[in-house]
Amino acid sequence: MPGEKSTTEALRKALEVFRGPASTPVPTDPYEYQRWEMAGAHALFVHALLSIYEQATTIPPGKEVDFVGYALVWAATLEHHHEWEETRYFEMFSHKYDLRSSIVTEHAAFHGGLVALQEYLVSCLPAGSPYGFGDRIAPQ
């Protein structure tokens, strides 16, 4: 896959950035605790994306729908996490940190790509496949 080495290297480097703070003992300071917890959450998202990326070209026949479901769950979870950060999480800390505007800008930078990935993944599902909360893929 073109660019595979640089993509996997970038994801592995990002994973190490988040793993560092997330692998320390649980902090007692409430602000450090939030940093620790958020680092763990972001490590999970990066690790799952790395898993999706590395497996994408080697899915066994008959497992494609399961893989698409796995990737869609990752995308939906990331989307929910971003919405939660922007509307709830950073509001709780606005008296101490002004992060919301930079985070919204950061999220917006790749939101279009996330939506495009979700649309592509849904297009890979066979007609009639369950998707989301009770929806089904329309006949093509």
C-alpha atoms as a PDB file:
ATOM      1  CA  MET A   1       0.000   0.000   0.000  1.00  0.00           C
ATOM      2  CA  PRO A   2       1.547   3.391  -0.999  1.00  0.00           C
ATOM      3  CA  GLY A   3       2.651   5.467   1.972  1.00  0.00           C
ATOM      4  CA  GLU A   4       2.072   2.534   4.317  1.00  0.00           C
ATOM      5  CA  LYS A   5       5.414   2.799   6.083  1.00  0.00           C
ATOM      6  CA  SER A   6       5.091   6.534   6.721  1.00  0.00           C
ATOM      7  CA  THR A   7       1.477   6.153   7.854  1.00  0.00           C
ATOM      8  CA  THR A   8       2.207   3.322  10.252  1.00  0.00           C
ATOM      9  CA  GLU A   9       5.288   5.141  11.525  1.00  0.00           C
ATOM     10  CA  ALA A  10       3.260   8.311  12.133  1.00  0.00           C
ATOM     11  CA  LEU A  11       0.553   6.370  13.956  1.00  0.00           C
ATOM     12  CA  ARG A  12       3.114   4.524  16.082  1.00  0.00           C
ATOM     13  CA  LYS A  13       4.807   7.826  17.003  1.00  0.00           C
ATOM     14  CA  ALA A  14       1.437   9.335  17.941  1.00  0.00           C
ATOM     15  CA  LEU A  15       0.650   6.261  20.000  1.00  0.00           C
ATOM     16  CA  GLU A  16       3.889   6.686  21.956  1.00  0.00           C
ATOM     17  CA  VAL A  17       3.074  10.354  22.611  1.00  0.00           C
ATOM     18  CA  PHE A  18      -0.197   9.350  24.271  1.00  0.00           C
ATOM     19  CA  ARG A  19       1.104   6.185  25.946  1.00  0.00           C
ATOM     20  CA  GLY A  20       3.697   8.140  27.908  1.00  0.00           C
ATOM     21  CA  PRO A  21       1.314  10.138  30.110  1.00  0.00           C
ATOM     22  CA  ALA A  22      -1.257   7.314  30.141  1.00  0.00           C
ATOM     23  CA  SER A  23       1.157   4.750  31.557  1.00  0.00           C
ATOM     24  CA  THR A  24       1.984   6.625  34.744  1.00  0.00           C
ATOM     25  CA  PRO A  25       0.260   5.925  38.079  1.00  0.00           C
ATOM     26  CA  VAL A  26      -3.176   7.505  38.455  1.00  0.00           C
ATOM     27  CA  PRO A  27      -2.610  11.158  39.412  1.00  0.00           C
ATOM     28  CA  THR A  28      -4.329  12.636  42.457  1.00  0.00           C
ATOM     29  CA  ASP A  29      -4.434  16.206  41.093  1.00  0.00           C
ATOM     30  CA  PRO A  30      -7.782  16.592  39.257  1.00  0.00           C
ATOM     31  CA  TYR A  31      -6.238  18.417  36.290  1.00  0.00           C
ATOM     32  CA  GLU A  32      -3.399  15.918  35.910  1.00  0.00           C
ATOM     33  CA  TYR A  33      -5.956  13.125  36.228  1.00  0.00           C
ATOM     34  CA  GLN A  34      -7.872  14.558  33.273  1.00  0.00           C
ATOM     35  CA  ARG A  35      -4.665  14.751  31.231  1.00  0.00           C
ATOM     36  CA  TRP A  36      -3.869  11.140  32.162  1.00  0.00           C
ATOM     37  CA  GLU A  37      -7.371   9.948  31.284  1.00  0.00           C
ATOM     38  CA  MET A  38      -7.479  11.850  27.990  1.00  0.00           C
ATOM     39  CA  ALA A  39      -4.059  10.486  27.005  1.00  0.00           C
ATOM     40  CA  GLY A  40      -5.404   6.974  27.560  1.00  0.00           C
ATOM     41  CA  ALA A  41      -8.497   7.677  25.470  1.00  0.00           C
ATOM     42  CA  HIS A  42      -6.447   9.103  22.619  1.00  0.00           C
ATOM     43  CA  ALA A  43      -4.014   6.171  22.786  1.00  0.00           C
ATOM     44  CA  LEU A  44      -7.021   3.876  22.353  1.00  0.00           C
ATOM     45  CA  PHE A  45      -8.217   5.785  19.262  1.00  0.00           C
ATOM     46  CA  VAL A  46      -4.764   5.791  17.665  1.00  0.00           C
ATOM     47  CA  HIS A  47      -4.198   2.122  18.467  1.00  0.00           C
ATOM     48  CA  ALA A  48      -7.552   1.165  16.929  1.00  0.00           C
ATOM     49  CA  LEU A  49      -6.836   3.236  13.801  1.00  0.00           C
ATOM     50  CA  LEU A  50      -3.444   1.548  13.477  1.00  0.00           C
ATOM     51  CA  SER A  51      -5.197  -1.806  13.810  1.00  0.00           C
ATOM     52  CA  ILE A  52      -7.680  -0.888  11.073  1.00  0.00           C
ATOM     53  CA  TYR A  53      -4.950   0.414   8.780  1.00  0.00           C
ATOM     54  CA  GLU A  54      -2.703  -2.614   9.212  1.00  0.00           C
ATOM     55  CA  GLN A  55      -5.506  -5.145   8.728  1.00  0.00           C
ATOM     56  CA  ALA A  56      -7.310  -3.444   5.838  1.00  0.00           C
ATOM     57  CA  THR A  57      -5.499  -5.303   3.048  1.00  0.00           C
ATOM     58  CA  THR A  58      -5.547  -8.729   4.698  1.00  0.00           C
ATOM     59  CA  ILE A  59      -9.179  -9.304   5.642  1.00  0.00           C
ATOM     60  CA  PRO A  60     -10.057 -12.975   5.041  1.00  0.00           C
ATOM     61  CA  PRO A  61     -12.889 -13.718   2.616  1.00  0.00           C
ATOM     62  CA  GLY A  62     -16.224 -13.699   4.398  1.00  0.00           C
ATOM     63  CA  LYS A  63     -14.992 -11.321   7.130  1.00  0.00           C
ATOM     64  CA  GLU A  64     -15.310  -8.079   5.155  1.00  0.00           C
ATOM     65  CA  VAL A  65     -18.630  -7.036   6.712  1.00  0.00           C
ATOM     66  CA  ASP A  66     -17.259  -7.665  10.215  1.00  0.00           C
ATOM     67  CA  PHE A  67     -14.196  -5.559   9.431  1.00  0.00           C
ATOM     68  CA  VAL A  68     -16.330  -2.737   8.025  1.00  0.00           C
ATOM     69  CA  GLY A  69     -18.430  -2.872  11.196  1.00  0.00           C
ATOM     70  CA  TYR A  70     -15.280  -2.648  13.331  1.00  0.00           C
ATOM     71  CA  ALA A  71     -14.029   0.357  11.372  1.00  0.00           C
ATOM     72  CA  LEU A  72     -17.455   2.055  11.517  1.00  0.00           C
ATOM     73  CA  VAL A  73     -17.617   1.595  15.289  1.00  0.00           C
ATOM     74  CA  TRP A  74     -14.183   3.203  15.576  1.00  0.00           C
ATOM     75  CA  ALA A  75     -15.267   6.159  13.421  1.00  0.00           C
ATOM     76  CA  ALA A  76     -18.530   6.640  15.333  1.00  0.00           C
ATOM     77  CA  THR A  77     -16.724   6.458  18.665  1.00  0.00           C
ATOM     78  CA  LEU A  78     -14.163   9.027  17.556  1.00  0.00           C
ATOM     79  CA  GLU A  79     -16.908  11.311  16.255  1.00  0.00           C
ATOM     80  CA  HIS A  80     -18.796  11.025  19.558  1.00  0.00           C
ATOM     81  CA  HIS A  81     -15.615  11.694  21.521  1.00  0.00           C
ATOM     82  CA  HIS A  82     -14.933  14.860  19.544  1.00  0.00           C
ATOM     83  CA  GLU A  83     -18.491  16.098  19.995  1.00  0.00           C
ATOM     84  CA  TRP A  84     -18.223  15.425  23.732  1.00  0.00           C
ATOM     85  CA  GLU A  85     -14.874  17.211  23.991  1.00  0.00           C
ATOM     86  CA  GLU A  86     -16.136  20.271  22.137  1.00  0.00           C
ATOM     87  CA  THR A  87     -19.504  20.656  23.860  1.00  0.00           C
ATOM     88  CA  ARG A  88     -18.952  19.306  27.351  1.00  0.00           C
ATOM     89  CA  TYR A  89     -15.425  18.417  28.358  1.00  0.00           C
ATOM     90  CA  PHE A  90     -13.553  21.608  27.545  1.00  0.00           C
ATOM     91  CA  GLU A  91     -16.410  23.690  28.886  1.00  0.00           C
ATOM     92  CA  MET A  92     -15.718  22.180  32.326  1.00  0.00           C
ATOM     93  CA  PHE A  93     -12.147  23.483  32.227  1.00  0.00           C
ATOM     94  CA  SER A  94     -12.649  26.800  30.435  1.00  0.00           C
ATOM     95  CA  HIS A  95     -11.846  28.699  33.646  1.00  0.00           C
ATOM     96  CA  LYS A  96      -8.343  27.161  33.644  1.00  0.00           C
ATOM     97  CA  TYR A  97      -7.558  26.445  29.984  1.00  0.00           C
ATOM     98  CA  ASP A  98      -8.523  28.026  26.687  1.00  0.00           C
ATOM     99  CA  LEU A  99      -8.375  24.884  24.578  1.00  0.00           C
ATOM    100  CA  ARG A 100     -11.783  24.743  22.950  1.00  0.00           C
ATOM    101  CA  SER A 101     -11.032  26.901  19.901  1.00  0.00           C
ATOM    102  CA  SER A 102      -7.780  25.104  19.064  1.00  0.00           C
ATOM    103  CA  ILE A 103      -9.377  21.677  19.574  1.00  0.00           C
ATOM    104  CA  VAL A 104     -12.367  22.540  17.372  1.00  0.00           C
ATOM    105  CA  THR A 105      -9.954  23.705  14.660  1.00  0.00           C
ATOM    106  CA  GLU A 106      -7.908  20.510  15.043  1.00  0.00           C
ATOM    107  CA  HIS A 107     -11.008  18.324  14.835  1.00  0.00           C
ATOM    108  CA  ALA A 108     -12.310  20.226  11.800  1.00  0.00           C
ATOM    109  CA  ALA A 109      -9.023  19.585   9.987  1.00  0.00           C
ATOM    110  CA  PHE A 110      -9.803  15.903   9.590  1.00  0.00           C
ATOM    111  CA  HIS A 111     -13.579  15.721  10.059  1.00  0.00           C
ATOM    112  CA  GLY A 112     -14.157  15.686   6.298  1.00  0.00           C
ATOM    113  CA  GLY A 113     -11.808  12.731   5.943  1.00  0.00           C
ATOM    114  CA  LEU A 114     -13.600  10.898   8.737  1.00  0.00           C
ATOM    115  CA  VAL A 115     -16.970  11.471   7.039  1.00  0.00           C
ATOM    116  CA  ALA A 116     -15.535  10.310   3.700  1.00  0.00           C
ATOM    117  CA  LEU A 117     -14.182   7.165   5.375  1.00  0.00           C
ATOM    118  CA  GLN A 118     -17.573   6.428   6.925  1.00  0.00           C
ATOM    119  CA  GLU A 119     -19.327   6.920   3.572  1.00  0.00           C
ATOM    120  CA  TYR A 120     -16.832   4.625   1.872  1.00  0.00           C
ATOM    121  CA  LEU A 121     -17.209   1.958   4.548  1.00  0.00           C
ATOM    122  CA  VAL A 122     -21.007   2.064   4.333  1.00  0.00           C
ATOM    123  CA  SER A 123     -20.738   1.728   0.531  1.00  0.00           C
ATOM    124  CA  CYS A 124     -18.809  -1.520   1.070  1.00  0.00           C
ATOM    125  CA  LEU A 125     -21.708  -3.138   2.919  1.00  0.00           C
ATOM    126  CA  PRO A 126     -24.084  -5.366   0.960  1.00  0.00           C
ATOM    127  CA  ALA A 127     -27.635  -4.150   0.368  1.00  0.00           C
ATOM    128  CA  GLY A 128     -29.881  -4.944   3.324  1.00  0.00           C
ATOM    129  CA  SER A 129     -27.028  -5.012   5.837  1.00  0.00           C
ATOM    130  CA  PRO A 130     -27.883  -3.637   9.262  1.00  0.00           C
ATOM    131  CA  TYR A 131     -26.129  -0.376   9.968  1.00  0.00           C
ATOM    132  CA  GLY A 132     -26.218   2.105  12.824  1.00  0.00           C
ATOM    133  CA  PHE A 133     -29.241   2.110  15.082  1.00  0.00           C
ATOM    134  CA  GLY A 134     -31.696  -0.080  13.219  1.00  0.00           C
ATOM    135  CA  ASP A 135     -31.044   1.309   9.725  1.00  0.00           C
ATOM    136  CA  ARG A 136     -30.346  -0.898   6.741  1.00  0.00           C
ATOM    137  CA  ILE A 137     -28.262  -0.289   3.640  1.00  0.00           C
ATOM    138  CA  ALA A 138     -30.599   0.513   0.750  1.00  0.00           C
ATOM    139  CA  PRO A 139     -30.697  -1.721  -2.309  1.00  0.00           C
ATOM    140  CA  GLN A 140     -28.260  -0.513  -4.955  1.00  0.00           C
END
